Amino acid sequence: TAMSSLFAVWIALIIFFLFFRFPIGVYLYIAYIFLVPYMKIHIGITLSWNLVNMILLVATFIFCRREHIHIKWRILSPFFFFYIVQLLMMPLQSYTPFSFMFHAFRASAMSTLIVPSALLALCQSRKVNYNVLNKLFLACITVACVYGLLLTLTQGINPYIMIVSELNGTDYLENYFTTDDGGRLFGRISSVFSHPMTFACFLGFSLIFAFNIKDYLN
């Protein structure tokens, strides 16, 4: 389909630019993370979050070596502390299989540490363009918020998530979105995300981000 082809081209551009124009690759990947809830793209091989995150990690290492960047990891220390504690707590949770816990731990760590590390490396380089970053975040916020408001007219039914879920072989959990069972409307709006709580988290981030750049917004 046209949408799956669009996502495939998007991912291919991300990978290409990560190695040849690292900042553009990071910008494209951030936009994908915010606007597309799944990644299972088939282009000869299956591209997934895990694979693309590992490619991003390699590209970040190459970028740091090329630009002679020594990342200041202190800003990420709360996240490292959280994951160390979580790892140490695993043996104490006897009712959950260790293999399941470790898989969840690995997936969470990869998705929340690699991308911020790449962005941190970019921001410590002379290649970063904060004007582009601000406009990128504002564009993603605008798309998500406008689409979220439009979904109030459909009682929470989300055509975009229905299509993307089908393309990625993921179940569309209609109960999350519709208000037929008496749920509150705004508690069901997921916008471009796979779950309403993810959208709520994004709105919190958006509020903090907008307040942080209030002078830029004038």
N, C-alpha and C. Protein backbone atom coordinates (compact mmCIF):
# COMPACT_ATOMS: atom_id res chain seq x y z
N THR A 1 0.83 -1.19 0.00
CA THR A 1 0.00 0.00 0.00
C THR A 1 0.87 1.25 0.00
N ALA A 2 0.23 2.37 -0.30
CA ALA A 2 0.97 3.64 -0.36
C ALA A 2 1.55 4.01 1.00
N MET A 3 0.78 3.77 2.07
CA MET A 3 1.26 4.15 3.40
C MET A 3 2.44 3.30 3.84
N SER A 4 2.38 1.99 3.58
CA SER A 4 3.51 1.13 3.95
C SER A 4 4.75 1.50 3.15
N SER A 5 4.57 1.88 1.88
CA SER A 5 5.70 2.31 1.06
C SER A 5 6.29 3.61 1.60
N LEU A 6 5.41 4.51 2.05
CA LEU A 6 5.87 5.77 2.64
C LEU A 6 6.72 5.51 3.87
N PHE A 7 6.24 4.63 4.76
CA PHE A 7 6.99 4.31 5.97
C PHE A 7 8.33 3.65 5.63
N ALA A 8 8.33 2.77 4.62
CA ALA A 8 9.57 2.10 4.22
C ALA A 8 10.60 3.10 3.70
N VAL A 9 10.15 4.04 2.87
CA VAL A 9 11.05 5.08 2.36
C VAL A 9 11.55 5.95 3.50
N TRP A 10 10.66 6.27 4.43
CA TRP A 10 11.02 7.08 5.61
C TRP A 10 12.15 6.42 6.40
N ILE A 11 11.99 5.12 6.68
CA ILE A 11 13.01 4.39 7.44
C ILE A 11 14.31 4.29 6.65
N ALA A 12 14.20 4.06 5.34
CA ALA A 12 15.40 3.97 4.51
C ALA A 12 16.17 5.30 4.53
N LEU A 13 15.45 6.41 4.49
CA LEU A 13 16.10 7.73 4.55
C LEU A 13 16.76 7.95 5.91
N ILE A 14 16.11 7.50 6.96
CA ILE A 14 16.69 7.62 8.30
C ILE A 14 18.05 6.91 8.35
N ILE A 15 18.07 5.67 7.89
CA ILE A 15 19.31 4.88 7.93
C ILE A 15 20.38 5.52 7.06
N PHE A 16 20.00 5.98 5.86
CA PHE A 16 20.97 6.60 4.96
C PHE A 16 21.58 7.85 5.58
N PHE A 17 20.73 8.73 6.09
CA PHE A 17 21.24 10.00 6.63
C PHE A 17 22.00 9.82 7.93
N LEU A 18 21.68 8.78 8.72
CA LEU A 18 22.41 8.56 9.97
C LEU A 18 23.91 8.41 9.73
N PHE A 19 24.26 7.85 8.59
CA PHE A 19 25.67 7.62 8.30
C PHE A 19 26.29 8.71 7.42
N PHE A 20 25.45 9.45 6.69
CA PHE A 20 26.01 10.44 5.78
C PHE A 20 25.68 11.88 6.18
N ARG A 21 24.57 12.10 6.84
CA ARG A 21 24.22 13.41 7.40
C ARG A 21 23.52 13.15 8.73
N PHE A 22 24.33 12.86 9.75
CA PHE A 22 23.81 12.39 11.03
C PHE A 22 22.69 13.26 11.60
N PRO A 23 22.81 14.59 11.61
CA PRO A 23 21.71 15.41 12.18
C PRO A 23 20.38 15.19 11.48
N ILE A 24 20.40 15.10 10.14
CA ILE A 24 19.14 14.89 9.42
C ILE A 24 18.55 13.54 9.78
N GLY A 25 19.40 12.50 9.90
CA GLY A 25 18.91 11.19 10.29
C GLY A 25 18.24 11.21 11.66
N VAL A 26 18.84 11.93 12.60
CA VAL A 26 18.26 12.04 13.94
C VAL A 26 16.93 12.78 13.89
N TYR A 27 16.87 13.88 13.13
CA TYR A 27 15.62 14.64 13.02
C TYR A 27 14.50 13.77 12.44
N LEU A 28 14.82 13.02 11.38
CA LEU A 28 13.81 12.16 10.74
C LEU A 28 13.36 11.05 11.69
N TYR A 29 14.29 10.53 12.48
CA TYR A 29 13.93 9.44 13.41
C TYR A 29 13.06 9.95 14.54
N ILE A 30 13.36 11.12 15.06
CA ILE A 30 12.54 11.70 16.12
C ILE A 30 11.11 11.92 15.61
N ALA A 31 10.98 12.44 14.39
CA ALA A 31 9.65 12.65 13.83
C ALA A 31 8.91 11.32 13.70
N TYR A 32 9.61 10.27 13.28
CA TYR A 32 8.98 8.96 13.13
C TYR A 32 8.50 8.45 14.49
N ILE A 33 9.35 8.58 15.50
CA ILE A 33 8.98 8.10 16.84
C ILE A 33 7.70 8.76 17.34
N PHE A 34 7.56 10.05 17.08
CA PHE A 34 6.39 10.77 17.58
C PHE A 34 5.14 10.52 16.74
N LEU A 35 5.28 10.31 15.45
CA LEU A 35 4.13 10.30 14.56
C LEU A 35 3.70 8.91 14.10
N VAL A 36 4.55 7.90 14.28
CA VAL A 36 4.20 6.55 13.84
C VAL A 36 4.36 5.60 15.03
N PRO A 37 3.29 4.92 15.44
CA PRO A 37 3.36 4.14 16.68
C PRO A 37 4.04 2.77 16.56
N TYR A 38 4.23 2.27 15.35
CA TYR A 38 4.81 0.94 15.18
C TYR A 38 5.91 0.98 14.12
N MET A 39 6.80 -0.01 14.18
CA MET A 39 7.79 -0.17 13.12
C MET A 39 8.01 -1.65 12.86
N LYS A 40 7.49 -2.11 11.75
CA LYS A 40 7.74 -3.47 11.27
C LYS A 40 7.69 -3.41 9.75
N ILE A 41 8.78 -2.90 9.18
CA ILE A 41 8.83 -2.60 7.76
C ILE A 41 9.61 -3.71 7.04
N HIS A 42 9.06 -4.19 5.91
CA HIS A 42 9.72 -5.24 5.13
C HIS A 42 10.29 -4.63 3.85
N ILE A 43 11.61 -4.61 3.76
CA ILE A 43 12.27 -4.16 2.52
C ILE A 43 13.42 -5.15 2.23
N GLY A 44 13.02 -6.39 1.97
CA GLY A 44 14.03 -7.44 1.83
C GLY A 44 14.35 -8.05 3.17
N ILE A 45 14.60 -7.19 4.18
CA ILE A 45 14.73 -7.62 5.57
C ILE A 45 13.66 -6.90 6.37
N THR A 46 13.40 -7.41 7.55
CA THR A 46 12.39 -6.77 8.41
C THR A 46 13.06 -5.75 9.31
N LEU A 47 12.66 -4.50 9.15
CA LEU A 47 13.19 -3.43 9.99
C LEU A 47 12.26 -3.24 11.18
N SER A 48 12.82 -3.25 12.37
CA SER A 48 12.05 -3.08 13.59
C SER A 48 12.72 -2.03 14.46
N TRP A 49 12.06 -1.66 15.55
CA TRP A 49 12.66 -0.69 16.47
C TRP A 49 14.03 -1.16 16.95
N ASN A 50 14.13 -2.45 17.30
CA ASN A 50 15.40 -2.97 17.83
C ASN A 50 16.53 -2.80 16.82
N LEU A 51 16.28 -3.19 15.58
CA LEU A 51 17.31 -3.12 14.56
C LEU A 51 17.70 -1.68 14.27
N VAL A 52 16.71 -0.81 14.09
CA VAL A 52 17.01 0.58 13.76
C VAL A 52 17.68 1.28 14.94
N ASN A 53 17.30 0.94 16.15
CA ASN A 53 17.98 1.52 17.32
C ASN A 53 19.44 1.09 17.39
N MET A 54 19.73 -0.15 17.03
CA MET A 54 21.12 -0.61 17.00
C MET A 54 21.90 0.11 15.90
N ILE A 55 21.26 0.33 14.76
CA ILE A 55 21.89 1.11 13.68
C ILE A 55 22.16 2.53 14.17
N LEU A 56 21.20 3.10 14.88
CA LEU A 56 21.38 4.45 15.43
C LEU A 56 22.55 4.48 16.42
N LEU A 57 22.67 3.44 17.24
CA LEU A 57 23.77 3.37 18.21
C LEU A 57 25.13 3.34 17.50
N VAL A 58 25.23 2.54 16.45
CA VAL A 58 26.47 2.46 15.68
C VAL A 58 26.77 3.81 15.01
N ALA A 59 25.73 4.42 14.42
CA ALA A 59 25.91 5.70 13.75
C ALA A 59 26.32 6.79 14.74
N THR A 60 25.78 6.74 15.96
CA THR A 60 26.14 7.72 16.99
C THR A 60 27.60 7.56 17.39
N PHE A 61 28.04 6.31 17.54
CA PHE A 61 29.43 6.05 17.88
C PHE A 61 30.37 6.59 16.80
N ILE A 62 30.03 6.34 15.54
CA ILE A 62 30.84 6.83 14.42
C ILE A 62 30.85 8.35 14.40
N PHE A 63 29.69 8.97 14.64
CA PHE A 63 29.58 10.42 14.65
C PHE A 63 30.44 11.02 15.76
N CYS A 64 30.40 10.42 16.94
CA CYS A 64 31.20 10.92 18.07
C CYS A 64 32.69 10.81 17.78
N ARG A 65 33.11 9.71 17.16
CA ARG A 65 34.52 9.55 16.81
C ARG A 65 34.95 10.57 15.76
N ARG A 66 34.09 10.78 14.79
CA ARG A 66 34.42 11.70 13.70
C ARG A 66 34.48 13.14 14.18
N GLU A 67 33.57 13.51 15.09
CA GLU A 67 33.49 14.89 15.57
C GLU A 67 34.27 15.10 16.87
N HIS A 68 34.91 14.04 17.37
CA HIS A 68 35.69 14.11 18.61
C HIS A 68 34.82 14.59 19.78
N ILE A 69 33.67 13.93 19.94
CA ILE A 69 32.71 14.29 20.98
C ILE A 69 32.83 13.31 22.15
N HIS A 70 32.93 13.85 23.34
CA HIS A 70 32.89 13.04 24.55
C HIS A 70 31.57 13.36 25.26
N ILE A 71 30.63 12.45 25.15
CA ILE A 71 29.28 12.71 25.67
C ILE A 71 29.31 12.88 27.18
N LYS A 72 28.64 13.90 27.67
CA LYS A 72 28.50 14.14 29.11
C LYS A 72 27.31 13.34 29.61
N TRP A 73 27.60 12.16 30.14
CA TRP A 73 26.55 11.21 30.49
C TRP A 73 25.79 11.59 31.76
N ARG A 74 26.28 12.59 32.51
CA ARG A 74 25.66 12.90 33.80
C ARG A 74 24.17 13.22 33.65
N ILE A 75 23.81 13.84 32.55
CA ILE A 75 22.41 14.24 32.37
C ILE A 75 21.49 13.02 32.28
N LEU A 76 22.04 11.86 31.88
CA LEU A 76 21.24 10.65 31.77
C LEU A 76 21.38 9.74 32.99
N SER A 77 22.13 10.18 34.00
CA SER A 77 22.39 9.33 35.17
C SER A 77 21.11 8.86 35.88
N PRO A 78 20.04 9.67 35.98
CA PRO A 78 18.82 9.14 36.62
C PRO A 78 18.25 7.92 35.90
N PHE A 79 18.37 7.92 34.57
CA PHE A 79 17.86 6.78 33.81
C PHE A 79 18.72 5.55 34.02
N PHE A 80 20.04 5.73 34.04
CA PHE A 80 20.94 4.61 34.30
C PHE A 80 20.68 4.03 35.70
N PHE A 81 20.47 4.90 36.68
CA PHE A 81 20.19 4.44 38.04
C PHE A 81 18.89 3.65 38.08
N PHE A 82 17.87 4.14 37.38
CA PHE A 82 16.59 3.44 37.33
C PHE A 82 16.73 2.03 36.78
N TYR A 83 17.47 1.90 35.68
CA TYR A 83 17.61 0.59 35.05
C TYR A 83 18.49 -0.35 35.87
N ILE A 84 19.47 0.16 36.56
CA ILE A 84 20.30 -0.68 37.43
C ILE A 84 19.45 -1.24 38.58
N VAL A 85 18.63 -0.38 39.19
CA VAL A 85 17.74 -0.84 40.27
C VAL A 85 16.73 -1.86 39.73
N GLN A 86 16.18 -1.58 38.55
CA GLN A 86 15.22 -2.51 37.97
C GLN A 86 15.85 -3.88 37.70
N LEU A 87 17.08 -3.88 37.25
CA LEU A 87 17.79 -5.13 37.00
C LEU A 87 18.02 -5.90 38.30
N LEU A 88 18.39 -5.17 39.36
CA LEU A 88 18.64 -5.81 40.65
C LEU A 88 17.36 -6.36 41.28
N MET A 89 16.21 -5.78 40.93
CA MET A 89 14.94 -6.22 41.50
C MET A 89 14.39 -7.47 40.83
N MET A 90 14.90 -7.82 39.67
CA MET A 90 14.35 -8.95 38.93
C MET A 90 14.34 -10.26 39.71
N PRO A 91 15.44 -10.64 40.37
CA PRO A 91 15.43 -11.93 41.09
C PRO A 91 14.39 -11.99 42.21
N LEU A 92 13.90 -10.83 42.66
CA LEU A 92 12.94 -10.80 43.77
C LEU A 92 11.50 -10.99 43.30
N GLN A 93 11.28 -10.97 41.98
CA GLN A 93 9.92 -11.08 41.45
C GLN A 93 9.71 -12.51 40.97
N SER A 94 9.42 -13.37 41.90
CA SER A 94 9.38 -14.81 41.63
C SER A 94 8.18 -15.24 40.80
N TYR A 95 7.14 -14.42 40.73
CA TYR A 95 5.93 -14.83 40.03
C TYR A 95 5.97 -14.51 38.53
N THR A 96 6.99 -13.81 38.08
CA THR A 96 7.12 -13.47 36.66
C THR A 96 8.33 -14.17 36.09
N PRO A 97 8.20 -14.87 34.96
CA PRO A 97 9.35 -15.56 34.36
C PRO A 97 10.50 -14.59 34.09
N PHE A 98 11.71 -15.03 34.43
CA PHE A 98 12.87 -14.15 34.27
C PHE A 98 13.08 -13.76 32.81
N SER A 99 12.83 -14.71 31.89
CA SER A 99 13.03 -14.42 30.47
C SER A 99 12.11 -13.29 30.00
N PHE A 100 10.88 -13.29 30.51
CA PHE A 100 9.93 -12.23 30.15
C PHE A 100 10.39 -10.89 30.71
N MET A 101 10.84 -10.90 31.98
CA MET A 101 11.29 -9.65 32.61
C MET A 101 12.50 -9.08 31.89
N PHE A 102 13.45 -9.95 31.54
CA PHE A 102 14.66 -9.47 30.89
C PHE A 102 14.36 -8.93 29.50
N HIS A 103 13.45 -9.59 28.77
CA HIS A 103 13.06 -9.10 27.44
C HIS A 103 12.42 -7.72 27.56
N ALA A 104 11.53 -7.54 28.53
CA ALA A 104 10.89 -6.24 28.74
C ALA A 104 11.92 -5.18 29.15
N PHE A 105 12.85 -5.58 30.00
CA PHE A 105 13.92 -4.68 30.44
C PHE A 105 14.77 -4.23 29.25
N ARG A 106 15.18 -5.18 28.41
CA ARG A 106 16.02 -4.86 27.25
C ARG A 106 15.28 -3.92 26.28
N ALA A 107 14.02 -4.25 26.00
CA ALA A 107 13.25 -3.43 25.06
C ALA A 107 13.06 -2.01 25.59
N SER A 108 12.78 -1.90 26.89
CA SER A 108 12.60 -0.58 27.49
C SER A 108 13.89 0.22 27.48
N ALA A 109 14.99 -0.42 27.85
CA ALA A 109 16.28 0.28 27.89
C ALA A 109 16.70 0.75 26.50
N MET A 110 16.53 -0.11 25.50
CA MET A 110 16.92 0.27 24.14
C MET A 110 16.10 1.43 23.62
N SER A 111 14.81 1.45 23.96
CA SER A 111 13.93 2.48 23.41
C SER A 111 14.07 3.81 24.14
N THR A 112 14.59 3.79 25.38
CA THR A 112 14.64 5.04 26.14
C THR A 112 16.05 5.57 26.39
N LEU A 113 17.07 4.82 26.02
CA LEU A 113 18.44 5.28 26.26
C LEU A 113 19.18 5.63 24.97
N ILE A 114 18.95 4.86 23.90
CA ILE A 114 19.73 5.07 22.68
C ILE A 114 19.38 6.37 21.98
N VAL A 115 18.09 6.63 21.80
CA VAL A 115 17.69 7.86 21.10
C VAL A 115 18.10 9.12 21.88
N PRO A 116 17.86 9.20 23.20
CA PRO A 116 18.36 10.37 23.94
C PRO A 116 19.88 10.51 23.87
N SER A 117 20.60 9.39 23.85
CA SER A 117 22.05 9.45 23.75
C SER A 117 22.47 10.05 22.41
N ALA A 118 21.79 9.65 21.34
CA ALA A 118 22.09 10.20 20.01
C ALA A 118 21.79 11.69 19.97
N LEU A 119 20.65 12.08 20.55
CA LEU A 119 20.29 13.50 20.57
C LEU A 119 21.26 14.29 21.44
N LEU A 120 21.71 13.70 22.53
CA LEU A 120 22.68 14.35 23.41
C LEU A 120 24.00 14.56 22.68
N ALA A 121 24.44 13.54 21.93
CA ALA A 121 25.67 13.66 21.15
C ALA A 121 25.54 14.76 20.11
N LEU A 122 24.39 14.82 19.46
CA LEU A 122 24.16 15.86 18.45
C LEU A 122 24.19 17.24 19.07
N CYS A 123 23.56 17.39 20.24
CA CYS A 123 23.50 18.71 20.89
C CYS A 123 24.86 19.16 21.42
N GLN A 124 25.78 18.21 21.63
CA GLN A 124 27.12 18.58 22.08
C GLN A 124 28.08 18.80 20.92
N SER A 125 27.56 18.71 19.71
CA SER A 125 28.38 18.93 18.53
C SER A 125 28.08 20.30 17.94
N ARG A 126 28.87 20.66 16.94
CA ARG A 126 28.64 21.92 16.24
C ARG A 126 27.69 21.74 15.06
N LYS A 127 27.16 20.53 14.91
CA LYS A 127 26.27 20.23 13.79
C LYS A 127 24.80 20.47 14.13
N VAL A 128 24.50 20.66 15.40
CA VAL A 128 23.10 20.79 15.81
C VAL A 128 22.51 22.11 15.34
N ASN A 129 21.25 22.07 14.98
CA ASN A 129 20.50 23.27 14.60
C ASN A 129 19.26 23.34 15.49
N TYR A 130 19.33 24.16 16.52
CA TYR A 130 18.23 24.21 17.48
C TYR A 130 16.96 24.80 16.86
N ASN A 131 17.11 25.63 15.86
CA ASN A 131 15.94 26.17 15.18
C ASN A 131 15.16 25.04 14.50
N VAL A 132 15.90 24.13 13.85
CA VAL A 132 15.26 22.97 13.22
C VAL A 132 14.63 22.06 14.27
N LEU A 133 15.34 21.82 15.37
CA LEU A 133 14.80 20.97 16.43
C LEU A 133 13.51 21.53 17.01
N ASN A 134 13.51 22.84 17.30
CA ASN A 134 12.31 23.47 17.85
C ASN A 134 11.14 23.34 16.88
N LYS A 135 11.38 23.62 15.61
CA LYS A 135 10.31 23.55 14.62
C LYS A 135 9.83 22.12 14.44
N LEU A 136 10.76 21.15 14.53
CA LEU A 136 10.39 19.75 14.40
C LEU A 136 9.46 19.33 15.54
N PHE A 137 9.86 19.64 16.77
CA PHE A 137 9.01 19.29 17.91
C PHE A 137 7.66 19.99 17.83
N LEU A 138 7.66 21.26 17.45
CA LEU A 138 6.40 22.00 17.35
C LEU A 138 5.50 21.43 16.26
N ALA A 139 6.09 20.99 15.15
CA ALA A 139 5.30 20.39 14.08
C ALA A 139 4.67 19.09 14.54
N CYS A 140 5.44 18.25 15.25
CA CYS A 140 4.90 16.99 15.76
C CYS A 140 3.79 17.24 16.78
N ILE A 141 4.00 18.22 17.64
CA ILE A 141 2.98 18.57 18.63
C ILE A 141 1.71 19.04 17.94
N THR A 142 1.85 19.87 16.92
CA THR A 142 0.69 20.40 16.20
C THR A 142 -0.09 19.28 15.53
N VAL A 143 0.62 18.38 14.82
CA VAL A 143 -0.05 17.27 14.14
C VAL A 143 -0.80 16.40 15.15
N ALA A 144 -0.14 16.04 16.24
CA ALA A 144 -0.77 15.16 17.23
C ALA A 144 -1.98 15.81 17.89
N CYS A 145 -1.86 17.09 18.22
CA CYS A 145 -2.95 17.77 18.92
C CYS A 145 -4.14 18.02 17.99
N VAL A 146 -3.88 18.44 16.76
CA VAL A 146 -4.97 18.70 15.82
C VAL A 146 -5.70 17.40 15.49
N TYR A 147 -4.93 16.32 15.26
CA TYR A 147 -5.58 15.04 14.97
C TYR A 147 -6.35 14.53 16.19
N GLY A 148 -5.81 14.75 17.36
CA GLY A 148 -6.52 14.36 18.58
C GLY A 148 -7.85 15.08 18.71
N LEU A 149 -7.86 16.36 18.40
CA LEU A 149 -9.12 17.12 18.45
C LEU A 149 -10.11 16.62 17.40
N LEU A 150 -9.61 16.27 16.21
CA LEU A 150 -10.50 15.74 15.17
C LEU A 150 -11.15 14.43 15.60
N LEU A 151 -10.43 13.64 16.40
CA LEU A 151 -10.97 12.36 16.84
C LEU A 151 -12.13 12.52 17.81
N THR A 152 -12.27 13.70 18.39
CA THR A 152 -13.44 13.91 19.26
C THR A 152 -14.73 13.87 18.44
N LEU A 153 -14.63 14.09 17.13
CA LEU A 153 -15.80 14.05 16.26
C LEU A 153 -16.18 12.62 15.88
N THR A 154 -15.27 11.66 16.12
CA THR A 154 -15.53 10.26 15.76
C THR A 154 -15.78 9.40 17.00
N GLN A 155 -16.00 10.03 18.13
CA GLN A 155 -16.19 9.30 19.39
C GLN A 155 -15.00 8.41 19.72
N GLY A 156 -13.81 8.84 19.31
CA GLY A 156 -12.61 8.12 19.67
C GLY A 156 -12.15 7.10 18.65
N ILE A 157 -12.97 6.73 17.68
CA ILE A 157 -12.55 5.78 16.65
C ILE A 157 -11.39 6.38 15.86
N ASN A 158 -10.31 5.64 15.72
CA ASN A 158 -9.05 6.18 15.21
C ASN A 158 -8.67 5.50 13.89
N PRO A 159 -9.04 6.07 12.75
CA PRO A 159 -8.74 5.44 11.45
C PRO A 159 -7.25 5.25 11.22
N TYR A 160 -6.44 6.22 11.61
CA TYR A 160 -4.99 6.14 11.38
C TYR A 160 -4.39 4.95 12.11
N ILE A 161 -4.73 4.79 13.39
CA ILE A 161 -4.20 3.67 14.17
C ILE A 161 -4.73 2.34 13.64
N MET A 162 -5.95 2.32 13.15
CA MET A 162 -6.51 1.10 12.57
C MET A 162 -5.68 0.65 11.36
N ILE A 163 -5.33 1.61 10.49
CA ILE A 163 -4.55 1.29 9.28
C ILE A 163 -3.14 0.88 9.64
N VAL A 164 -2.48 1.65 10.51
CA VAL A 164 -1.09 1.36 10.88
C VAL A 164 -1.01 0.03 11.63
N SER A 165 -1.99 -0.27 12.48
CA SER A 165 -2.00 -1.54 13.19
C SER A 165 -2.09 -2.71 12.22
N GLU A 166 -2.95 -2.58 11.22
CA GLU A 166 -3.09 -3.65 10.23
C GLU A 166 -1.80 -3.84 9.43
N LEU A 167 -1.14 -2.74 9.06
CA LEU A 167 0.10 -2.82 8.29
C LEU A 167 1.20 -3.52 9.09
N ASN A 168 1.18 -3.37 10.41
CA ASN A 168 2.22 -3.93 11.25
C ASN A 168 1.82 -5.25 11.91
N GLY A 169 0.66 -5.78 11.53
CA GLY A 169 0.22 -7.04 12.10
C GLY A 169 -0.08 -6.97 13.58
N THR A 170 -0.52 -5.79 14.03
CA THR A 170 -0.82 -5.57 15.45
C THR A 170 -2.33 -5.46 15.66
N ASP A 171 -2.82 -6.03 16.74
CA ASP A 171 -4.25 -5.96 17.03
C ASP A 171 -4.67 -4.53 17.32
N TYR A 172 -5.80 -4.15 16.74
CA TYR A 172 -6.39 -2.84 17.05
C TYR A 172 -7.35 -3.03 18.22
N LEU A 173 -6.96 -2.54 19.38
CA LEU A 173 -7.75 -2.73 20.59
C LEU A 173 -8.82 -1.65 20.68
N GLU A 174 -9.95 -1.95 20.10
CA GLU A 174 -11.01 -0.96 19.95
C GLU A 174 -11.51 -0.44 21.30
N ASN A 175 -11.46 -1.28 22.32
CA ASN A 175 -11.94 -0.85 23.64
C ASN A 175 -11.13 0.30 24.22
N TYR A 176 -9.87 0.45 23.76
CA TYR A 176 -9.05 1.55 24.23
C TYR A 176 -9.59 2.90 23.73
N PHE A 177 -10.27 2.86 22.58
CA PHE A 177 -10.54 4.11 21.88
C PHE A 177 -12.00 4.54 21.88
N THR A 178 -12.93 3.61 21.77
CA THR A 178 -14.31 4.00 21.62
C THR A 178 -14.96 4.27 22.99
N THR A 179 -16.05 5.02 22.95
CA THR A 179 -16.76 5.37 24.18
C THR A 179 -18.07 4.61 24.32
N ASP A 180 -18.22 3.53 23.55
CA ASP A 180 -19.48 2.77 23.57
C ASP A 180 -19.77 2.17 24.94
N ASP A 181 -18.70 1.85 25.70
CA ASP A 181 -18.93 1.22 27.00
C ASP A 181 -19.06 2.25 28.12
N GLY A 182 -19.24 3.51 27.76
CA GLY A 182 -19.46 4.55 28.76
C GLY A 182 -18.22 5.28 29.19
N GLY A 183 -17.07 5.00 28.59
CA GLY A 183 -15.83 5.68 28.97
C GLY A 183 -15.88 7.16 28.59
N ARG A 184 -15.12 7.97 29.29
CA ARG A 184 -15.08 9.39 28.99
C ARG A 184 -14.36 9.63 27.67
N LEU A 185 -14.85 10.55 26.87
CA LEU A 185 -14.32 10.77 25.53
C LEU A 185 -12.85 11.10 25.53
N PHE A 186 -12.44 12.11 26.32
CA PHE A 186 -11.04 12.52 26.26
C PHE A 186 -10.11 11.49 26.89
N GLY A 187 -10.67 10.56 27.65
CA GLY A 187 -9.86 9.45 28.14
C GLY A 187 -9.62 8.38 27.09
N ARG A 188 -10.26 8.55 25.92
CA ARG A 188 -10.14 7.56 24.86
C ARG A 188 -9.35 8.07 23.66
N ILE A 189 -9.00 9.32 23.63
CA ILE A 189 -8.32 9.90 22.47
C ILE A 189 -6.85 9.51 22.49
N SER A 190 -6.38 8.84 21.44
CA SER A 190 -4.98 8.40 21.38
C SER A 190 -4.19 9.16 20.33
N SER A 191 -4.87 9.90 19.46
CA SER A 191 -4.20 10.67 18.40
C SER A 191 -3.33 9.76 17.55
N VAL A 192 -2.07 10.11 17.34
CA VAL A 192 -1.19 9.30 16.48
C VAL A 192 -0.46 8.22 17.27
N PHE A 193 -0.87 7.98 18.50
CA PHE A 193 -0.21 7.00 19.37
C PHE A 193 -1.07 5.75 19.52
N SER A 194 -0.46 4.69 20.03
CA SER A 194 -1.16 3.41 20.12
C SER A 194 -2.04 3.29 21.35
N HIS A 195 -1.94 4.23 22.27
CA HIS A 195 -2.71 4.13 23.51
C HIS A 195 -2.98 5.54 24.03
N PRO A 196 -4.18 5.79 24.58
CA PRO A 196 -4.48 7.13 25.10
C PRO A 196 -3.50 7.62 26.17
N MET A 197 -2.96 6.71 26.99
CA MET A 197 -2.02 7.14 28.02
C MET A 197 -0.70 7.64 27.43
N THR A 198 -0.32 7.07 26.27
CA THR A 198 0.88 7.55 25.59
C THR A 198 0.64 8.97 25.09
N PHE A 199 -0.53 9.23 24.56
CA PHE A 199 -0.88 10.58 24.12
C PHE A 199 -0.88 11.54 25.30
N ALA A 200 -1.39 11.09 26.44
CA ALA A 200 -1.39 11.94 27.63
C ALA A 200 0.02 12.29 28.06
N CYS A 201 0.92 11.29 28.02
CA CYS A 201 2.33 11.53 28.35
C CYS A 201 2.94 12.53 27.37
N PHE A 202 2.61 12.38 26.09
CA PHE A 202 3.12 13.29 25.07
C PHE A 202 2.62 14.72 25.31
N LEU A 203 1.36 14.86 25.72
CA LEU A 203 0.82 16.19 26.00
C LEU A 203 1.55 16.84 27.18
N GLY A 204 1.91 16.02 28.17
CA GLY A 204 2.69 16.55 29.28
C GLY A 204 4.06 17.03 28.82
N PHE A 205 4.71 16.23 27.98
CA PHE A 205 5.99 16.64 27.40
C PHE A 205 5.82 17.93 26.60
N SER A 206 4.73 18.00 25.82
CA SER A 206 4.50 19.17 24.96
C SER A 206 4.35 20.44 25.79
N LEU A 207 3.64 20.33 26.91
CA LEU A 207 3.44 21.48 27.78
C LEU A 207 4.78 21.97 28.34
N ILE A 208 5.60 21.03 28.83
CA ILE A 208 6.92 21.39 29.37
C ILE A 208 7.80 21.99 28.28
N PHE A 209 7.77 21.39 27.09
CA PHE A 209 8.60 21.87 25.99
C PHE A 209 8.18 23.29 25.59
N ALA A 210 6.87 23.50 25.44
CA ALA A 210 6.39 24.82 25.04
C ALA A 210 6.75 25.88 26.08
N PHE A 211 6.64 25.54 27.35
CA PHE A 211 7.01 26.48 28.41
C PHE A 211 8.51 26.78 28.36
N ASN A 212 9.29 25.75 28.05
CA ASN A 212 10.75 25.91 28.03
C ASN A 212 11.22 26.82 26.89
N ILE A 213 10.47 26.83 25.79
CA ILE A 213 10.87 27.67 24.65
C ILE A 213 9.89 28.84 24.46
N LYS A 214 9.31 29.31 25.55
CA LYS A 214 8.31 30.38 25.47
C LYS A 214 8.88 31.64 24.82
N ASP A 215 10.17 31.92 25.05
CA ASP A 215 10.76 33.09 24.41
C ASP A 215 10.88 32.89 22.90
N TYR A 216 11.18 31.66 22.48
CA TYR A 216 11.26 31.35 21.06
C TYR A 216 9.88 31.47 20.41
N LEU A 217 8.84 31.07 21.15
CA LEU A 217 7.48 31.15 20.63
C LEU A 217 6.95 32.58 20.61
N ASN A 218 7.58 33.46 21.39
CA ASN A 218 7.15 34.86 21.49
C ASN A 218 5.69 34.94 21.91
